[in-house]
Amino acid sequence: MSLVATLAEAASPRFTQWHEPEPGFHVGSRKGDFIGSIEETAVGTFVAIDGRSTPVGRYASVAQAQRALVGLAAREAELDEHSTRVAQLVATIAGTVSFLLLVGAGALALPV
């Protein structure tokens, strides 16, 4: 999946579901993955907390807090995709180096 598609999908409201298990407390998930929660404070603001229990910010409305968590989820999806590509590249390089060392060792083991 391309980076643009990943970001568009993560930011899409149709992939994000919000539930209010109790008044003033909202939880969000994207494609089954928990992205965070929003809790209304006594003064009427909304505190967004990401999926790792780290406060993201305080917002004037639930919608603003939801947008912040969805945007954060999109950035995390981008980082996950980038990390996967880097890991694949490192594994390919390690495999190639191992193969070349094996061929070199085999060549040294041949009688002259």
C-alpha atoms as a PDB file:
ATOM      1  CA  MET A   1       0.000   0.000   0.000  1.00  0.00           C
ATOM      2  CA  SER A   2       1.359   3.429  -0.866  1.00  0.00           C
ATOM      3  CA  LEU A   3       2.024   6.103   1.718  1.00  0.00           C
ATOM      4  CA  VAL A   4      -0.672   8.354   0.253  1.00  0.00           C
ATOM      5  CA  ALA A   5      -3.214   5.518   0.376  1.00  0.00           C
ATOM      6  CA  THR A   6      -2.221   4.681   3.959  1.00  0.00           C
ATOM      7  CA  LEU A   7      -2.636   8.291   5.091  1.00  0.00           C
ATOM      8  CA  ALA A   8      -5.923   8.711   3.239  1.00  0.00           C
ATOM      9  CA  GLU A   9      -7.265   5.489   4.717  1.00  0.00           C
ATOM     10  CA  ALA A  10      -6.133   6.368   8.252  1.00  0.00           C
ATOM     11  CA  ALA A  11      -7.704   9.819   8.041  1.00  0.00           C
ATOM     12  CA  SER A  12     -10.947   8.547   6.542  1.00  0.00           C
ATOM     13  CA  PRO A  13     -13.898   8.724   8.919  1.00  0.00           C
ATOM     14  CA  ARG A  14     -15.335   5.535   7.423  1.00  0.00           C
ATOM     15  CA  PHE A  15     -12.419   3.528   8.833  1.00  0.00           C
ATOM     16  CA  THR A  16     -12.609   5.155  12.262  1.00  0.00           C
ATOM     17  CA  GLN A  17     -15.313   4.182  14.712  1.00  0.00           C
ATOM     18  CA  TRP A  18     -16.148   6.076  17.874  1.00  0.00           C
ATOM     19  CA  HIS A  19     -18.131   4.730  20.803  1.00  0.00           C
ATOM     20  CA  GLU A  20     -19.262   6.358  24.011  1.00  0.00           C
ATOM     21  CA  PRO A  21     -19.327   3.555  26.614  1.00  0.00           C
ATOM     22  CA  GLU A  22     -20.273   6.077  29.288  1.00  0.00           C
ATOM     23  CA  PRO A  23     -21.245   9.743  29.152  1.00  0.00           C
ATOM     24  CA  GLY A  24     -18.229  11.992  28.529  1.00  0.00           C
ATOM     25  CA  PHE A  25     -15.884   9.126  27.639  1.00  0.00           C
ATOM     26  CA  HIS A  26     -15.264   8.221  23.991  1.00  0.00           C
ATOM     27  CA  VAL A  27     -13.081   5.451  22.572  1.00  0.00           C
ATOM     28  CA  GLY A  28     -11.893   5.204  18.992  1.00  0.00           C
ATOM     29  CA  SER A  29     -10.719   2.357  16.808  1.00  0.00           C
ATOM     30  CA  ARG A  30      -9.513   2.138  13.235  1.00  0.00           C
ATOM     31  CA  LYS A  31      -9.922  -1.179  11.454  1.00  0.00           C
ATOM     32  CA  GLY A  32     -10.201  -2.887  14.833  1.00  0.00           C
ATOM     33  CA  ASP A  33      -7.106  -1.238  16.337  1.00  0.00           C
ATOM     34  CA  PHE A  34      -7.540   0.993  19.393  1.00  0.00           C
ATOM     35  CA  ILE A  35      -6.396   4.524  18.530  1.00  0.00           C
ATOM     36  CA  GLY A  36      -7.226   6.277  21.791  1.00  0.00           C
ATOM     37  CA  SER A  37      -9.826   7.771  24.049  1.00  0.00           C
ATOM     38  CA  ILE A  38     -11.324  11.145  24.818  1.00  0.00           C
ATOM     39  CA  GLU A  39     -12.494  12.199  28.238  1.00  0.00           C
ATOM     40  CA  GLU A  40     -14.600  15.243  29.009  1.00  0.00           C
ATOM     41  CA  THR A  41     -13.291  17.319  31.921  1.00  0.00           C
ATOM     42  CA  ALA A  42     -15.344  19.064  34.593  1.00  0.00           C
ATOM     43  CA  VAL A  43     -14.859  22.403  32.800  1.00  0.00           C
ATOM     44  CA  GLY A  44     -16.190  21.076  29.489  1.00  0.00           C
ATOM     45  CA  THR A  45     -12.943  20.560  27.590  1.00  0.00           C
ATOM     46  CA  PHE A  46     -11.908  17.233  26.098  1.00  0.00           C
ATOM     47  CA  VAL A  47      -8.607  15.468  26.781  1.00  0.00           C
ATOM     48  CA  ALA A  48      -7.395  13.156  24.015  1.00  0.00           C
ATOM     49  CA  ILE A  49      -5.257  10.172  25.044  1.00  0.00           C
ATOM     50  CA  ASP A  50      -3.555   8.035  22.415  1.00  0.00           C
ATOM     51  CA  GLY A  51      -3.528   4.255  22.220  1.00  0.00           C
ATOM     52  CA  ARG A  52      -0.425   4.106  24.434  1.00  0.00           C
ATOM     53  CA  SER A  53      -2.066   6.107  27.238  1.00  0.00           C
ATOM     54  CA  THR A  54      -0.110   9.267  26.430  1.00  0.00           C
ATOM     55  CA  PRO A  55      -2.068  12.538  26.625  1.00  0.00           C
ATOM     56  CA  VAL A  56      -2.228  14.173  23.197  1.00  0.00           C
ATOM     57  CA  GLY A  57      -3.896  17.454  24.109  1.00  0.00           C
ATOM     58  CA  ARG A  58      -6.892  19.337  25.463  1.00  0.00           C
ATOM     59  CA  TYR A  59      -9.558  20.417  22.973  1.00  0.00           C
ATOM     60  CA  ALA A  60     -12.686  22.554  22.969  1.00  0.00           C
ATOM     61  CA  SER A  61     -14.829  19.887  21.298  1.00  0.00           C
ATOM     62  CA  VAL A  62     -15.035  16.130  20.871  1.00  0.00           C
ATOM     63  CA  ALA A  63     -14.680  16.574  17.096  1.00  0.00           C
ATOM     64  CA  GLN A  64     -11.345  18.407  17.502  1.00  0.00           C
ATOM     65  CA  ALA A  65     -10.042  15.708  19.830  1.00  0.00           C
ATOM     66  CA  GLN A  66     -11.187  12.995  17.410  1.00  0.00           C
ATOM     67  CA  ARG A  67      -9.387  14.703  14.509  1.00  0.00           C
ATOM     68  CA  ALA A  68      -6.210  14.903  16.594  1.00  0.00           C
ATOM     69  CA  LEU A  69      -6.312  11.176  17.404  1.00  0.00           C
ATOM     70  CA  VAL A  70      -7.120  10.178  13.812  1.00  0.00           C
ATOM     71  CA  GLY A  71      -4.236  12.344  12.560  1.00  0.00           C
ATOM     72  CA  LEU A  72      -1.895  10.779  15.086  1.00  0.00           C
ATOM     73  CA  ALA A  73      -3.005   7.307  13.999  1.00  0.00           C
ATOM     74  CA  ALA A  74      -2.258   8.283  10.380  1.00  0.00           C
ATOM     75  CA  ARG A  75       1.263   9.400  11.289  1.00  0.00           C
ATOM     76  CA  GLU A  76       1.849   6.186  13.253  1.00  0.00           C
ATOM     77  CA  ALA A  77       0.646   4.133  10.257  1.00  0.00           C
ATOM     78  CA  GLU A  78       3.123   6.040   8.085  1.00  0.00           C
ATOM     79  CA  LEU A  79       5.956   5.276  10.514  1.00  0.00           C
ATOM     80  CA  ASP A  80       4.958   1.611  10.684  1.00  0.00           C
ATOM     81  CA  GLU A  81       5.031   1.351   6.890  1.00  0.00           C
ATOM     82  CA  HIS A  82       8.419   3.081   6.741  1.00  0.00           C
ATOM     83  CA  SER A  83       9.818   0.813   9.475  1.00  0.00           C
ATOM     84  CA  THR A  84       8.635  -2.258   7.582  1.00  0.00           C
ATOM     85  CA  ARG A  85      10.354  -1.062   4.394  1.00  0.00           C
ATOM     86  CA  VAL A  86      13.601  -0.372   6.263  1.00  0.00           C
ATOM     87  CA  ALA A  87      13.492  -3.799   7.947  1.00  0.00           C
ATOM     88  CA  GLN A  88      12.954  -5.482   4.571  1.00  0.00           C
ATOM     89  CA  LEU A  89      15.900  -3.600   3.085  1.00  0.00           C
ATOM     90  CA  VAL A  90      18.171  -4.510   6.008  1.00  0.00           C
ATOM     91  CA  ALA A  91      17.132  -8.177   5.755  1.00  0.00           C
ATOM     92  CA  THR A  92      17.834  -8.185   2.008  1.00  0.00           C
ATOM     93  CA  ILE A  93      21.278  -6.667   2.503  1.00  0.00           C
ATOM     94  CA  ALA A  94      22.102  -9.090   5.343  1.00  0.00           C
ATOM     95  CA  GLY A  95      20.992 -12.039   3.214  1.00  0.00           C
ATOM     96  CA  THR A  96      23.076 -10.874   0.262  1.00  0.00           C
ATOM     97  CA  VAL A  97      26.184 -10.388   2.408  1.00  0.00           C
ATOM     98  CA  SER A  98      25.690 -13.827   3.990  1.00  0.00           C
ATOM     99  CA  PHE A  99      25.375 -15.425   0.560  1.00  0.00           C
ATOM    100  CA  LEU A 100      28.507 -13.706  -0.710  1.00  0.00           C
ATOM    101  CA  LEU A 101      30.457 -14.800   2.373  1.00  0.00           C
ATOM    102  CA  LEU A 102      29.252 -18.372   1.841  1.00  0.00           C
ATOM    103  CA  VAL A 103      30.335 -18.308  -1.818  1.00  0.00           C
ATOM    104  CA  GLY A 104      33.684 -16.826  -0.824  1.00  0.00           C
ATOM    105  CA  ALA A 105      34.227 -19.474   1.849  1.00  0.00           C
ATOM    106  CA  GLY A 106      33.323 -22.182  -0.682  1.00  0.00           C
ATOM    107  CA  ALA A 107      35.816 -20.795  -3.164  1.00  0.00           C
ATOM    108  CA  LEU A 108      38.551 -20.803  -0.520  1.00  0.00           C
ATOM    109  CA  ALA A 109      37.767 -24.415   0.356  1.00  0.00           C
ATOM    110  CA  LEU A 110      38.309 -25.644  -3.226  1.00  0.00           C
ATOM    111  CA  PRO A 111      41.631 -27.372  -3.840  1.00  0.00           C
ATOM    112  CA  VAL A 112      44.094 -25.403  -5.874  1.00  0.00           C
END
